[in-house]
Amino acid sequence: GQLVVFALLVCAGQADAGERALAPFRKLA
């Protein structure tokens, strides 16, 4: 019931590049 950012993300590519692309989102909070 608390407000959240319920996010769905898709990075089409290699696993290592995908992890790098997702890292900034994990650092937001």
All heavy atoms as atom14 arrays in JSON, in Angstrom:
{
  "sequence": "GQLVVFALLVCAGQADAGERALAPFRKLA",
  "atom14_mask": [
    [1, 1, 1, 1, 0, 0, 0, 0, 0, 0, 0, 0, 0, 0],
    [1, 1, 1, 1, 1, 1, 1, 1, 1, 0, 0, 0, 0, 0],
    [1, 1, 1, 1, 1, 1, 1, 1, 0, 0, 0, 0, 0, 0],
    [1, 1, 1, 1, 1, 1, 1, 0, 0, 0, 0, 0, 0, 0],
    [1, 1, 1, 1, 1, 1, 1, 0, 0, 0, 0, 0, 0, 0],
    [1, 1, 1, 1, 1, 1, 1, 1, 1, 1, 1, 0, 0, 0],
    [1, 1, 1, 1, 1, 0, 0, 0, 0, 0, 0, 0, 0, 0],
    [1, 1, 1, 1, 1, 1, 1, 1, 0, 0, 0, 0, 0, 0],
    [1, 1, 1, 1, 1, 1, 1, 1, 0, 0, 0, 0, 0, 0],
    [1, 1, 1, 1, 1, 1, 1, 0, 0, 0, 0, 0, 0, 0],
    [1, 1, 1, 1, 1, 1, 0, 0, 0, 0, 0, 0, 0, 0],
    [1, 1, 1, 1, 1, 0, 0, 0, 0, 0, 0, 0, 0, 0],
    [1, 1, 1, 1, 0, 0, 0, 0, 0, 0, 0, 0, 0, 0],
    [1, 1, 1, 1, 1, 1, 1, 1, 1, 0, 0, 0, 0, 0],
    [1, 1, 1, 1, 1, 0, 0, 0, 0, 0, 0, 0, 0, 0],
    [1, 1, 1, 1, 1, 1, 1, 1, 0, 0, 0, 0, 0, 0],
    [1, 1, 1, 1, 1, 0, 0, 0, 0, 0, 0, 0, 0, 0],
    [1, 1, 1, 1, 0, 0, 0, 0, 0, 0, 0, 0, 0, 0],
    [1, 1, 1, 1, 1, 1, 1, 1, 1, 0, 0, 0, 0, 0],
    [1, 1, 1, 1, 1, 1, 1, 1, 1, 1, 1, 0, 0, 0],
    [1, 1, 1, 1, 1, 0, 0, 0, 0, 0, 0, 0, 0, 0],
    [1, 1, 1, 1, 1, 1, 1, 1, 0, 0, 0, 0, 0, 0],
    [1, 1, 1, 1, 1, 0, 0, 0, 0, 0, 0, 0, 0, 0],
    [1, 1, 1, 1, 1, 1, 1, 0, 0, 0, 0, 0, 0, 0],
    [1, 1, 1, 1, 1, 1, 1, 1, 1, 1, 1, 0, 0, 0],
    [1, 1, 1, 1, 1, 1, 1, 1, 1, 1, 1, 0, 0, 0],
    [1, 1, 1, 1, 1, 1, 1, 1, 1, 0, 0, 0, 0, 0],
    [1, 1, 1, 1, 1, 1, 1, 1, 0, 0, 0, 0, 0, 0],
    [1, 1, 1, 1, 1, 0, 0, 0, 0, 0, 0, 0, 0, 0]
  ],
  "atom14_positions": [
    [[0.79, -1.23, 0.0], [0.0, 0.0, 0.0], [0.82, 1.27, 0.0], [0.25, 2.36, -0.18], [0.0, 0.0, 0.0], [0.0, 0.0, 0.0], [0.0, 0.0, 0.0], [0.0, 0.0, 0.0], [0.0, 0.0, 0.0], [0.0, 0.0, 0.0], [0.0, 0.0, 0.0], [0.0, 0.0, 0.0], [0.0, 0.0, 0.0], [0.0, 0.0, 0.0]],
    [[2.11, 1.17, 0.19], [2.97, 2.36, 0.15], [3.35, 2.67, -1.3], [3.49, 1.77, -2.13], [4.26, 2.12, 0.97], [4.0, 1.8, 2.43], [3.28, 2.92, 3.14], [3.69, 4.07, 3.08], [2.18, 2.58, 3.8], [0.0, 0.0, 0.0], [0.0, 0.0, 0.0], [0.0, 0.0, 0.0], [0.0, 0.0, 0.0], [0.0, 0.0, 0.0]],
    [[3.52, 3.95, -1.61], [3.9, 4.32, -2.97], [5.29, 3.8, -3.31], [6.24, 4.0, -2.54], [3.87, 5.83, -3.16], [2.51, 6.5, -3.34], [2.71, 7.97, -3.68], [1.68, 5.82, -4.41], [0.0, 0.0, 0.0], [0.0, 0.0, 0.0], [0.0, 0.0, 0.0], [0.0, 0.0, 0.0], [0.0, 0.0, 0.0], [0.0, 0.0, 0.0]],
    [[5.37, 3.15, -4.47], [6.65, 2.62, -4.94], [6.79, 2.89, -6.43], [5.82, 3.22, -7.12], [6.77, 1.09, -4.7], [6.73, 0.77, -3.21], [5.68, 0.33, -5.46], [0.0, 0.0, 0.0], [0.0, 0.0, 0.0], [0.0, 0.0, 0.0], [0.0, 0.0, 0.0], [0.0, 0.0, 0.0], [0.0, 0.0, 0.0], [0.0, 0.0, 0.0]],
    [[8.03, 2.76, -6.91], [8.28, 2.7, -8.34], [8.34, 1.22, -8.7], [9.32, 0.53, -8.38], [9.6, 3.4, -8.72], [9.85, 3.29, -10.22], [9.59, 4.85, -8.28], [0.0, 0.0, 0.0], [0.0, 0.0, 0.0], [0.0, 0.0, 0.0], [0.0, 0.0, 0.0], [0.0, 0.0, 0.0], [0.0, 0.0, 0.0], [0.0, 0.0, 0.0]],
    [[7.28, 0.74, -9.3], [7.19, -0.67, -9.71], [7.66, -0.71, -11.17], [6.9, -0.4, -12.08], [5.74, -1.14, -9.57], [5.54, -2.62, -9.75], [5.22, -3.42, -8.67], [5.64, -3.21, -11.01], [5.02, -4.78, -8.83], [5.45, -4.56, -11.18], [5.13, -5.36, -10.1], [0.0, 0.0, 0.0], [0.0, 0.0, 0.0], [0.0, 0.0, 0.0]],
    [[8.91, -1.07, -11.36], [9.54, -0.93, -12.67], [9.76, -2.28, -13.34], [10.06, -3.28, -12.68], [10.87, -0.21, -12.55], [0.0, 0.0, 0.0], [0.0, 0.0, 0.0], [0.0, 0.0, 0.0], [0.0, 0.0, 0.0], [0.0, 0.0, 0.0], [0.0, 0.0, 0.0], [0.0, 0.0, 0.0], [0.0, 0.0, 0.0], [0.0, 0.0, 0.0]],
    [[9.61, -2.28, -14.65], [9.93, -3.42, -15.49], [10.97, -2.95, -16.5], [10.78, -1.94, -17.17], [8.68, -3.94, -16.2], [7.6, -4.49, -15.26], [6.28, -4.66, -16.0], [8.04, -5.8, -14.63], [0.0, 0.0, 0.0], [0.0, 0.0, 0.0], [0.0, 0.0, 0.0], [0.0, 0.0, 0.0], [0.0, 0.0, 0.0], [0.0, 0.0, 0.0]],
    [[12.08, -3.67, -16.57], [13.2, -3.26, -17.41], [13.62, -4.42, -18.3], [13.64, -5.58, -17.85], [14.39, -2.8, -16.57], [14.13, -1.66, -15.57], [13.78, -2.22, -14.19], [15.35, -0.75, -15.45], [0.0, 0.0, 0.0], [0.0, 0.0, 0.0], [0.0, 0.0, 0.0], [0.0, 0.0, 0.0], [0.0, 0.0, 0.0], [0.0, 0.0, 0.0]],
    [[13.97, -4.12, -19.53], [14.43, -5.14, -20.47], [15.64, -4.58, -21.22], [15.53, -3.57, -21.92], [13.33, -5.53, -21.48], [13.92, -6.42, -22.58], [12.2, -6.26, -20.77], [0.0, 0.0, 0.0], [0.0, 0.0, 0.0], [0.0, 0.0, 0.0], [0.0, 0.0, 0.0], [0.0, 0.0, 0.0], [0.0, 0.0, 0.0], [0.0, 0.0, 0.0]],
    [[16.77, -5.24, -21.06], [17.97, -4.89, -21.82], [18.28, -6.03, -22.77], [18.62, -7.14, -22.32], [19.15, -4.62, -20.89], [20.57, -3.9, -21.76], [0.0, 0.0, 0.0], [0.0, 0.0, 0.0], [0.0, 0.0, 0.0], [0.0, 0.0, 0.0], [0.0, 0.0, 0.0], [0.0, 0.0, 0.0], [0.0, 0.0, 0.0], [0.0, 0.0, 0.0]],
    [[18.13, -5.79, -24.06], [18.35, -6.82, -25.07], [19.82, -6.8, -25.47], [20.25, -5.92, -26.22], [17.46, -6.56, -26.28], [0.0, 0.0, 0.0], [0.0, 0.0, 0.0], [0.0, 0.0, 0.0], [0.0, 0.0, 0.0], [0.0, 0.0, 0.0], [0.0, 0.0, 0.0], [0.0, 0.0, 0.0], [0.0, 0.0, 0.0], [0.0, 0.0, 0.0]],
    [[20.56, -7.74, -24.96], [21.98, -7.78, -25.27], [22.71, -8.77, -24.37], [22.09, -9.58, -23.68], [0.0, 0.0, 0.0], [0.0, 0.0, 0.0], [0.0, 0.0, 0.0], [0.0, 0.0, 0.0], [0.0, 0.0, 0.0], [0.0, 0.0, 0.0], [0.0, 0.0, 0.0], [0.0, 0.0, 0.0], [0.0, 0.0, 0.0], [0.0, 0.0, 0.0]],
    [[24.01, -8.68, -24.37], [24.82, -9.58, -23.57], [24.65, -9.28, -22.08], [24.35, -8.16, -21.68], [26.3, -9.44, -23.96], [26.59, -9.82, -25.39], [26.28, -11.28, -25.69], [26.58, -12.17, -24.88], [25.67, -11.54, -26.84], [0.0, 0.0, 0.0], [0.0, 0.0, 0.0], [0.0, 0.0, 0.0], [0.0, 0.0, 0.0], [0.0, 0.0, 0.0]],
    [[24.88, -10.32, -21.26], [24.63, -10.2, -19.83], [25.49, -9.12, -19.18], [24.99, -8.34, -18.36], [24.88, -11.55, -19.15], [0.0, 0.0, 0.0], [0.0, 0.0, 0.0], [0.0, 0.0, 0.0], [0.0, 0.0, 0.0], [0.0, 0.0, 0.0], [0.0, 0.0, 0.0], [0.0, 0.0, 0.0], [0.0, 0.0, 0.0], [0.0, 0.0, 0.0]],
    [[26.77, -9.04, -19.54], [27.63, -8.05, -18.89], [27.21, -6.63, -19.24], [27.17, -5.75, -18.38], [29.1, -8.3, -19.23], [29.36, -8.34, -20.74], [28.39, -8.4, -21.53], [30.55, -8.32, -21.13], [0.0, 0.0, 0.0], [0.0, 0.0, 0.0], [0.0, 0.0, 0.0], [0.0, 0.0, 0.0], [0.0, 0.0, 0.0], [0.0, 0.0, 0.0]],
    [[26.84, -6.41, -20.53], [26.38, -5.09, -20.93], [25.05, -4.76, -20.26], [24.79, -3.61, -19.88], [26.24, -5.02, -22.45], [0.0, 0.0, 0.0], [0.0, 0.0, 0.0], [0.0, 0.0, 0.0], [0.0, 0.0, 0.0], [0.0, 0.0, 0.0], [0.0, 0.0, 0.0], [0.0, 0.0, 0.0], [0.0, 0.0, 0.0], [0.0, 0.0, 0.0]],
    [[24.2, -5.76, -20.11], [22.93, -5.55, -19.45], [23.09, -5.17, -17.99], [22.41, -4.26, -17.49], [0.0, 0.0, 0.0], [0.0, 0.0, 0.0], [0.0, 0.0, 0.0], [0.0, 0.0, 0.0], [0.0, 0.0, 0.0], [0.0, 0.0, 0.0], [0.0, 0.0, 0.0], [0.0, 0.0, 0.0], [0.0, 0.0, 0.0], [0.0, 0.0, 0.0]],
    [[23.99, -5.81, -17.32], [24.23, -5.48, -15.91], [24.74, -4.05, -15.77], [24.35, -3.32, -14.86], [25.24, -6.46, -15.3], [24.72, -7.89, -15.15], [23.61, -8.02, -14.13], [23.4, -7.08, -13.32], [22.93, -9.05, -14.12], [0.0, 0.0, 0.0], [0.0, 0.0, 0.0], [0.0, 0.0, 0.0], [0.0, 0.0, 0.0], [0.0, 0.0, 0.0]],
    [[25.6, -3.62, -16.7], [26.1, -2.25, -16.65], [24.96, -1.25, -16.91], [24.89, -0.2, -16.27], [27.21, -2.04, -17.69], [28.52, -2.73, -17.34], [29.67, -2.23, -18.21], [29.44, -2.49, -19.63], [29.81, -3.62, -20.24], [30.41, -4.58, -19.56], [29.58, -3.78, -21.54], [0.0, 0.0, 0.0], [0.0, 0.0, 0.0], [0.0, 0.0, 0.0]],
    [[24.07, -1.58, -17.84], [22.97, -0.68, -18.15], [21.99, -0.56, -16.99], [21.37, 0.49, -16.78], [22.24, -1.18, -19.39], [0.0, 0.0, 0.0], [0.0, 0.0, 0.0], [0.0, 0.0, 0.0], [0.0, 0.0, 0.0], [0.0, 0.0, 0.0], [0.0, 0.0, 0.0], [0.0, 0.0, 0.0], [0.0, 0.0, 0.0], [0.0, 0.0, 0.0]],
    [[21.84, -1.62, -16.19], [20.89, -1.62, -15.08], [21.46, -1.03, -13.8], [20.71, -0.65, -12.9], [20.41, -3.05, -14.81], [19.62, -3.71, -15.95], [19.35, -5.17, -15.63], [18.33, -2.97, -16.23], [0.0, 0.0, 0.0], [0.0, 0.0, 0.0], [0.0, 0.0, 0.0], [0.0, 0.0, 0.0], [0.0, 0.0, 0.0], [0.0, 0.0, 0.0]],
    [[22.78, -0.94, -13.72], [23.42, -0.48, -12.48], [22.92, 0.89, -12.02], [22.68, 1.08, -10.81], [24.94, -0.47, -12.66], [0.0, 0.0, 0.0], [0.0, 0.0, 0.0], [0.0, 0.0, 0.0], [0.0, 0.0, 0.0], [0.0, 0.0, 0.0], [0.0, 0.0, 0.0], [0.0, 0.0, 0.0], [0.0, 0.0, 0.0], [0.0, 0.0, 0.0]],
    [[22.75, 1.9, -12.9], [22.29, 3.21, -12.41], [20.93, 3.16, -11.71], [20.66, 3.97, -10.83], [22.22, 4.05, -13.69], [23.18, 3.39, -14.63], [23.07, 1.93, -14.34], [0.0, 0.0, 0.0], [0.0, 0.0, 0.0], [0.0, 0.0, 0.0], [0.0, 0.0, 0.0], [0.0, 0.0, 0.0], [0.0, 0.0, 0.0], [0.0, 0.0, 0.0]],
    [[20.07, 2.25, -12.11], [18.74, 2.16, -11.5], [18.82, 1.57, -10.09], [18.11, 2.0, -9.19], [17.81, 1.33, -12.39], [17.62, 1.92, -13.75], [18.48, 1.59, -14.8], [16.61, 2.84, -13.99], [18.32, 2.15, -16.05], [16.43, 3.4, -15.24], [17.29, 3.07, -16.28], [0.0, 0.0, 0.0], [0.0, 0.0, 0.0], [0.0, 0.0, 0.0]],
    [[19.7, 0.61, -9.91], [19.88, 0.02, -8.59], [20.5, 1.02, -7.61], [20.31, 0.91, -6.4], [20.78, -1.22, -8.7], [20.07, -2.43, -9.31], [21.05, -3.54, -9.55], [20.4, -4.84, -9.69], [20.79, -5.79, -10.54], [21.83, -5.56, -11.34], [20.16, -6.95, -10.58], [0.0, 0.0, 0.0], [0.0, 0.0, 0.0], [0.0, 0.0, 0.0]],
    [[21.22, 2.01, -8.14], [21.89, 3.0, -7.28], [20.96, 4.14, -6.86], [21.34, 4.97, -6.03], [23.1, 3.57, -8.01], [24.23, 2.56, -8.23], [25.37, 3.19, -9.03], [26.48, 2.18, -9.27], [27.58, 2.75, -10.09], [0.0, 0.0, 0.0], [0.0, 0.0, 0.0], [0.0, 0.0, 0.0], [0.0, 0.0, 0.0], [0.0, 0.0, 0.0]],
    [[19.77, 4.21, -7.44], [18.86, 5.31, -7.11], [18.41, 5.26, -5.66], [18.19, 6.3, -5.02], [17.63, 5.28, -8.03], [17.89, 5.61, -9.5], [16.66, 5.29, -10.34], [18.27, 7.08, -9.65], [0.0, 0.0, 0.0], [0.0, 0.0, 0.0], [0.0, 0.0, 0.0], [0.0, 0.0, 0.0], [0.0, 0.0, 0.0], [0.0, 0.0, 0.0]],
    [[18.25, 4.07, -5.13], [17.84, 3.86, -3.74], [17.99, 2.38, -3.45], [18.1, 1.56, -4.37], [16.39, 4.3, -3.51], [0.0, 0.0, 0.0], [0.0, 0.0, 0.0], [0.0, 0.0, 0.0], [0.0, 0.0, 0.0], [0.0, 0.0, 0.0], [0.0, 0.0, 0.0], [0.0, 0.0, 0.0], [0.0, 0.0, 0.0], [0.0, 0.0, 0.0]]
  ]
}
